[in-house]
Amino acid sequence: QVQLVESGGGLVQPGGSLRRACAATGFDFSSYSMNWHRQAPGKERELVAAITRAGDSTIYADSVKGRFTMSRDNAEKIVHLQMNDVKPEDAAVYYCQAVNGLSKYWGQGTQVTVSS
């Protein structure tokens, strides 16, 4: 059974840090590139970060560049999103996604709330 199980969401203060995780089961994880998306209320879902299958290259949305870092461990079948210097505009539901051509899987989404 294919699953992407997210963890590490929750409440963070502005300027604080949060480490998100997305654990994969049921598919060949190392054959999939991985993405993190987010969706804030009233806004479209946007791509936040992406990492290649080997983990040797990443891209970031301009809004998070320099603050967020995405990484993966293919042996553990997990990806992380390290969120530093979190801003109020980072509040959203965050989703991880696995992509291999037309094959795509989504995590369940977890809320990140930014509040002092």
N, C-alpha and C. Protein backbone atom coordinates (compact mmCIF):
# COMPACT_ATOMS: atom_id res chain seq x y z
N GLN A 1 0.85 -1.19 0.00
CA GLN A 1 0.00 0.00 0.00
C GLN A 1 0.88 1.24 0.00
N VAL A 2 0.63 2.12 -0.95
CA VAL A 2 1.41 3.35 -1.05
C VAL A 2 0.98 4.33 0.03
N GLN A 3 1.95 4.83 0.75
CA GLN A 3 1.67 5.84 1.75
C GLN A 3 2.79 6.86 1.82
N LEU A 4 2.41 8.10 1.99
CA LEU A 4 3.32 9.18 2.35
C LEU A 4 2.78 9.76 3.65
N VAL A 5 3.50 9.52 4.72
CA VAL A 5 3.02 9.94 6.04
C VAL A 5 3.87 11.11 6.52
N GLU A 6 3.19 12.20 6.72
CA GLU A 6 3.87 13.43 7.12
C GLU A 6 3.84 13.61 8.64
N SER A 7 4.86 14.27 9.12
CA SER A 7 4.92 14.59 10.54
C SER A 7 5.73 15.87 10.72
N GLY A 8 5.67 16.40 11.93
CA GLY A 8 6.46 17.58 12.24
C GLY A 8 5.76 18.90 12.04
N GLY A 9 4.51 18.87 11.72
CA GLY A 9 3.79 20.12 11.59
C GLY A 9 3.40 20.66 12.94
N GLY A 10 2.73 21.79 12.96
CA GLY A 10 2.28 22.33 14.22
C GLY A 10 2.47 23.82 14.33
N LEU A 11 2.61 24.28 15.54
CA LEU A 11 2.69 25.71 15.83
C LEU A 11 4.15 26.14 15.96
N VAL A 12 4.48 27.24 15.33
CA VAL A 12 5.83 27.79 15.43
C VAL A 12 5.72 29.30 15.53
N GLN A 13 6.60 29.89 16.29
CA GLN A 13 6.62 31.34 16.43
C GLN A 13 7.34 31.97 15.23
N PRO A 14 6.98 33.19 14.89
CA PRO A 14 7.73 33.88 13.83
C PRO A 14 9.21 33.93 14.17
N GLY A 15 10.01 33.61 13.20
CA GLY A 15 11.45 33.56 13.42
C GLY A 15 11.94 32.21 13.90
N GLY A 16 11.02 31.34 14.23
CA GLY A 16 11.39 30.03 14.74
C GLY A 16 11.66 29.02 13.64
N SER A 17 11.86 27.77 14.06
CA SER A 17 12.19 26.70 13.13
C SER A 17 11.26 25.52 13.33
N LEU A 18 11.13 24.77 12.24
CA LEU A 18 10.30 23.57 12.26
C LEU A 18 10.92 22.58 11.28
N ARG A 19 10.90 21.32 11.64
CA ARG A 19 11.44 20.29 10.75
C ARG A 19 10.32 19.32 10.38
N ARG A 20 9.99 19.32 9.12
CA ARG A 20 8.94 18.45 8.60
C ARG A 20 9.54 17.16 8.07
N ALA A 21 8.78 16.09 8.18
CA ALA A 21 9.23 14.81 7.63
C ALA A 21 8.11 14.18 6.82
N CYS A 22 8.49 13.38 5.86
CA CYS A 22 7.53 12.65 5.03
C CYS A 22 8.12 11.27 4.78
N ALA A 23 7.52 10.26 5.36
CA ALA A 23 8.01 8.88 5.25
C ALA A 23 7.21 8.12 4.22
N ALA A 24 7.91 7.41 3.36
CA ALA A 24 7.27 6.73 2.24
C ALA A 24 7.28 5.21 2.43
N THR A 25 6.20 4.59 2.03
CA THR A 25 6.11 3.13 2.00
C THR A 25 5.32 2.70 0.78
N GLY A 26 5.59 1.50 0.31
CA GLY A 26 4.76 0.90 -0.72
C GLY A 26 5.14 1.20 -2.15
N PHE A 27 6.24 1.91 -2.36
CA PHE A 27 6.69 2.15 -3.73
C PHE A 27 8.20 2.33 -3.72
N ASP A 28 8.79 2.34 -4.91
CA ASP A 28 10.23 2.44 -5.05
C ASP A 28 10.66 3.89 -4.84
N PHE A 29 10.87 4.25 -3.62
CA PHE A 29 11.10 5.65 -3.23
C PHE A 29 12.24 6.29 -4.03
N SER A 30 13.32 5.59 -4.21
CA SER A 30 14.50 6.19 -4.85
C SER A 30 14.28 6.48 -6.33
N SER A 31 13.19 5.99 -6.90
CA SER A 31 12.86 6.25 -8.30
C SER A 31 11.98 7.48 -8.48
N TYR A 32 11.63 8.10 -7.39
CA TYR A 32 10.72 9.24 -7.43
C TYR A 32 11.42 10.51 -6.98
N SER A 33 11.22 11.57 -7.74
CA SER A 33 11.58 12.87 -7.21
C SER A 33 10.52 13.25 -6.18
N MET A 34 10.89 14.12 -5.28
CA MET A 34 10.00 14.47 -4.19
C MET A 34 9.81 15.98 -4.12
N ASN A 35 8.60 16.37 -3.80
CA ASN A 35 8.26 17.79 -3.70
C ASN A 35 7.57 18.06 -2.37
N TRP A 36 7.69 19.29 -1.95
CA TRP A 36 6.85 19.82 -0.88
C TRP A 36 6.01 20.95 -1.49
N HIS A 37 4.71 20.88 -1.25
CA HIS A 37 3.79 21.93 -1.67
C HIS A 37 3.14 22.51 -0.41
N ARG A 38 2.52 23.65 -0.56
CA ARG A 38 1.73 24.20 0.54
C ARG A 38 0.52 24.93 -0.03
N GLN A 39 -0.49 25.00 0.80
CA GLN A 39 -1.70 25.71 0.40
C GLN A 39 -2.24 26.48 1.59
N ALA A 40 -2.28 27.79 1.44
CA ALA A 40 -2.83 28.66 2.47
C ALA A 40 -4.31 28.90 2.16
N PRO A 41 -5.09 29.26 3.16
CA PRO A 41 -6.53 29.50 2.93
C PRO A 41 -6.76 30.53 1.83
N GLY A 42 -7.61 30.20 0.89
CA GLY A 42 -7.95 31.12 -0.17
C GLY A 42 -6.92 31.24 -1.27
N LYS A 43 -5.86 30.44 -1.18
CA LYS A 43 -4.80 30.51 -2.19
C LYS A 43 -4.64 29.17 -2.87
N GLU A 44 -4.01 29.22 -4.03
CA GLU A 44 -3.74 27.98 -4.76
C GLU A 44 -2.56 27.25 -4.12
N ARG A 45 -2.55 25.94 -4.33
CA ARG A 45 -1.42 25.15 -3.85
C ARG A 45 -0.18 25.56 -4.65
N GLU A 46 0.93 25.73 -3.92
CA GLU A 46 2.15 26.14 -4.58
C GLU A 46 3.30 25.20 -4.24
N LEU A 47 4.21 25.07 -5.19
CA LEU A 47 5.41 24.27 -4.96
C LEU A 47 6.38 25.06 -4.10
N VAL A 48 6.84 24.44 -3.03
CA VAL A 48 7.76 25.09 -2.10
C VAL A 48 9.20 24.64 -2.36
N ALA A 49 9.37 23.34 -2.52
CA ALA A 49 10.72 22.80 -2.70
C ALA A 49 10.63 21.47 -3.43
N ALA A 50 11.70 21.14 -4.13
CA ALA A 50 11.75 19.87 -4.86
C ALA A 50 13.16 19.32 -4.77
N ILE A 51 13.25 17.99 -4.82
CA ILE A 51 14.56 17.34 -4.76
C ILE A 51 14.58 16.20 -5.76
N THR A 52 15.73 16.01 -6.38
CA THR A 52 15.86 14.95 -7.37
C THR A 52 15.88 13.58 -6.71
N ARG A 53 15.79 12.54 -7.53
CA ARG A 53 15.74 11.18 -7.01
C ARG A 53 16.97 10.83 -6.19
N ALA A 54 18.12 11.29 -6.65
CA ALA A 54 19.36 11.00 -5.92
C ALA A 54 19.61 11.97 -4.78
N GLY A 55 18.84 13.02 -4.74
CA GLY A 55 19.04 14.02 -3.70
C GLY A 55 20.19 14.96 -3.97
N ASP A 56 20.65 15.03 -5.22
CA ASP A 56 21.82 15.82 -5.52
C ASP A 56 21.50 17.22 -6.03
N SER A 57 20.21 17.51 -6.13
CA SER A 57 19.83 18.84 -6.58
C SER A 57 18.48 19.20 -5.98
N THR A 58 18.36 20.45 -5.60
CA THR A 58 17.11 20.96 -5.04
C THR A 58 16.76 22.29 -5.69
N ILE A 59 15.48 22.59 -5.68
CA ILE A 59 15.01 23.91 -6.09
C ILE A 59 14.02 24.40 -5.04
N TYR A 60 13.92 25.71 -4.94
CA TYR A 60 13.06 26.31 -3.93
C TYR A 60 12.27 27.46 -4.53
N ALA A 61 11.08 27.67 -3.99
CA ALA A 61 10.33 28.86 -4.34
C ALA A 61 11.10 30.08 -3.83
N ASP A 62 11.00 31.16 -4.55
CA ASP A 62 11.72 32.37 -4.14
C ASP A 62 11.35 32.79 -2.72
N SER A 63 10.12 32.55 -2.34
CA SER A 63 9.63 33.00 -1.04
C SER A 63 10.28 32.26 0.13
N VAL A 64 10.89 31.10 -0.13
CA VAL A 64 11.49 30.33 0.96
C VAL A 64 12.99 30.13 0.78
N LYS A 65 13.51 30.59 -0.34
CA LYS A 65 14.92 30.39 -0.64
C LYS A 65 15.79 31.02 0.44
N GLY A 66 16.76 30.26 0.91
CA GLY A 66 17.64 30.73 1.97
C GLY A 66 17.12 30.45 3.37
N ARG A 67 15.86 30.05 3.46
CA ARG A 67 15.28 29.75 4.78
C ARG A 67 14.89 28.28 4.93
N PHE A 68 14.45 27.67 3.86
CA PHE A 68 14.03 26.26 3.89
C PHE A 68 15.09 25.40 3.22
N THR A 69 15.25 24.20 3.73
CA THR A 69 16.17 23.24 3.14
C THR A 69 15.49 21.88 3.05
N MET A 70 15.49 21.32 1.86
CA MET A 70 14.90 20.00 1.65
C MET A 70 16.00 18.97 1.50
N SER A 71 15.79 17.81 2.09
CA SER A 71 16.77 16.73 1.98
C SER A 71 16.04 15.40 1.94
N ARG A 72 16.76 14.36 1.56
CA ARG A 72 16.15 13.03 1.51
C ARG A 72 17.16 11.99 1.91
N ASP A 73 16.65 10.88 2.39
CA ASP A 73 17.46 9.71 2.73
C ASP A 73 16.80 8.52 2.06
N ASN A 74 17.38 8.07 0.97
CA ASN A 74 16.75 6.99 0.21
C ASN A 74 16.79 5.66 0.96
N ALA A 75 17.77 5.47 1.79
CA ALA A 75 17.84 4.24 2.57
C ALA A 75 16.70 4.19 3.59
N GLU A 76 16.37 5.33 4.17
CA GLU A 76 15.30 5.41 5.15
C GLU A 76 13.95 5.72 4.51
N LYS A 77 13.96 6.06 3.23
CA LYS A 77 12.73 6.39 2.49
C LYS A 77 12.00 7.55 3.15
N ILE A 78 12.73 8.62 3.33
CA ILE A 78 12.16 9.77 4.02
C ILE A 78 12.72 11.06 3.42
N VAL A 79 11.89 12.07 3.41
CA VAL A 79 12.35 13.40 3.04
C VAL A 79 12.07 14.34 4.20
N HIS A 80 12.89 15.38 4.29
CA HIS A 80 12.72 16.37 5.32
C HIS A 80 12.62 17.76 4.70
N LEU A 81 11.94 18.63 5.39
CA LEU A 81 11.92 20.04 5.04
C LEU A 81 12.25 20.80 6.32
N GLN A 82 13.44 21.36 6.35
CA GLN A 82 13.86 22.18 7.47
C GLN A 82 13.43 23.61 7.20
N MET A 83 12.60 24.12 8.07
CA MET A 83 12.05 25.46 7.91
C MET A 83 12.66 26.36 8.98
N ASN A 84 13.45 27.31 8.57
CA ASN A 84 14.08 28.26 9.49
C ASN A 84 13.56 29.67 9.24
N ASP A 85 13.69 30.51 10.26
CA ASP A 85 13.23 31.90 10.14
C ASP A 85 11.81 31.94 9.57
N VAL A 86 10.95 31.18 10.17
CA VAL A 86 9.58 31.05 9.66
C VAL A 86 8.84 32.39 9.78
N LYS A 87 8.08 32.68 8.75
CA LYS A 87 7.34 33.93 8.68
C LYS A 87 5.84 33.66 8.72
N PRO A 88 5.06 34.65 9.10
CA PRO A 88 3.59 34.43 9.13
C PRO A 88 3.04 33.94 7.80
N GLU A 89 3.63 34.39 6.71
CA GLU A 89 3.14 33.97 5.39
C GLU A 89 3.49 32.52 5.05
N ASP A 90 4.25 31.87 5.91
CA ASP A 90 4.53 30.45 5.71
C ASP A 90 3.41 29.56 6.26
N ALA A 91 2.47 30.13 6.96
CA ALA A 91 1.36 29.35 7.51
C ALA A 91 0.54 28.75 6.38
N ALA A 92 0.34 27.46 6.43
CA ALA A 92 -0.37 26.76 5.36
C ALA A 92 -0.47 25.28 5.73
N VAL A 93 -1.21 24.56 4.92
CA VAL A 93 -1.15 23.10 4.97
C VAL A 93 -0.06 22.66 4.01
N TYR A 94 0.87 21.88 4.51
CA TYR A 94 2.00 21.42 3.72
C TYR A 94 1.77 19.97 3.30
N TYR A 95 2.08 19.70 2.04
CA TYR A 95 1.90 18.37 1.47
C TYR A 95 3.22 17.89 0.85
N CYS A 96 3.58 16.65 1.08
CA CYS A 96 4.67 16.09 0.31
C CYS A 96 4.09 15.32 -0.86
N GLN A 97 4.88 15.23 -1.91
CA GLN A 97 4.45 14.59 -3.13
C GLN A 97 5.60 13.80 -3.72
N ALA A 98 5.29 12.62 -4.22
CA ALA A 98 6.26 11.80 -4.94
C ALA A 98 5.87 11.78 -6.41
N VAL A 99 6.86 11.96 -7.29
CA VAL A 99 6.57 12.04 -8.72
C VAL A 99 7.55 11.18 -9.52
N ASN A 100 6.98 10.38 -10.39
CA ASN A 100 7.77 9.64 -11.37
C ASN A 100 6.94 9.58 -12.64
N GLY A 101 7.17 10.55 -13.52
CA GLY A 101 6.37 10.65 -14.73
C GLY A 101 4.92 10.92 -14.37
N LEU A 102 4.04 10.04 -14.85
CA LEU A 102 2.62 10.21 -14.59
C LEU A 102 2.20 9.62 -13.24
N SER A 103 3.11 8.94 -12.59
CA SER A 103 2.82 8.35 -11.29
C SER A 103 3.09 9.38 -10.21
N LYS A 104 2.05 9.74 -9.49
CA LYS A 104 2.17 10.77 -8.45
C LYS A 104 1.43 10.33 -7.21
N TYR A 105 2.05 10.57 -6.06
CA TYR A 105 1.41 10.27 -4.78
C TYR A 105 1.49 11.50 -3.89
N TRP A 106 0.46 11.65 -3.06
CA TRP A 106 0.41 12.79 -2.13
C TRP A 106 0.35 12.31 -0.68
N GLY A 107 0.97 13.10 0.17
CA GLY A 107 0.78 12.91 1.59
C GLY A 107 -0.55 13.49 2.03
N GLN A 108 -0.87 13.29 3.28
CA GLN A 108 -2.19 13.69 3.78
C GLN A 108 -2.27 15.18 4.06
N GLY A 109 -1.14 15.84 4.15
CA GLY A 109 -1.13 17.27 4.45
C GLY A 109 -1.16 17.51 5.95
N THR A 110 -0.33 18.41 6.40
CA THR A 110 -0.34 18.78 7.81
C THR A 110 -0.21 20.29 7.95
N GLN A 111 -0.87 20.82 8.93
CA GLN A 111 -0.95 22.25 9.13
C GLN A 111 0.30 22.80 9.81
N VAL A 112 0.77 23.90 9.29
CA VAL A 112 1.80 24.69 9.96
C VAL A 112 1.17 26.04 10.31
N THR A 113 1.15 26.34 11.58
CA THR A 113 0.58 27.59 12.08
C THR A 113 1.72 28.46 12.61
N VAL A 114 1.73 29.71 12.20
CA VAL A 114 2.77 30.63 12.64
C VAL A 114 2.12 31.70 13.51
N SER A 115 2.48 31.70 14.77
CA SER A 115 1.85 32.63 15.69
C SER A 115 2.74 32.83 16.91
N SER A 116 2.71 34.04 17.42
CA SER A 116 3.45 34.31 18.65
C SER A 116 2.53 34.19 19.86
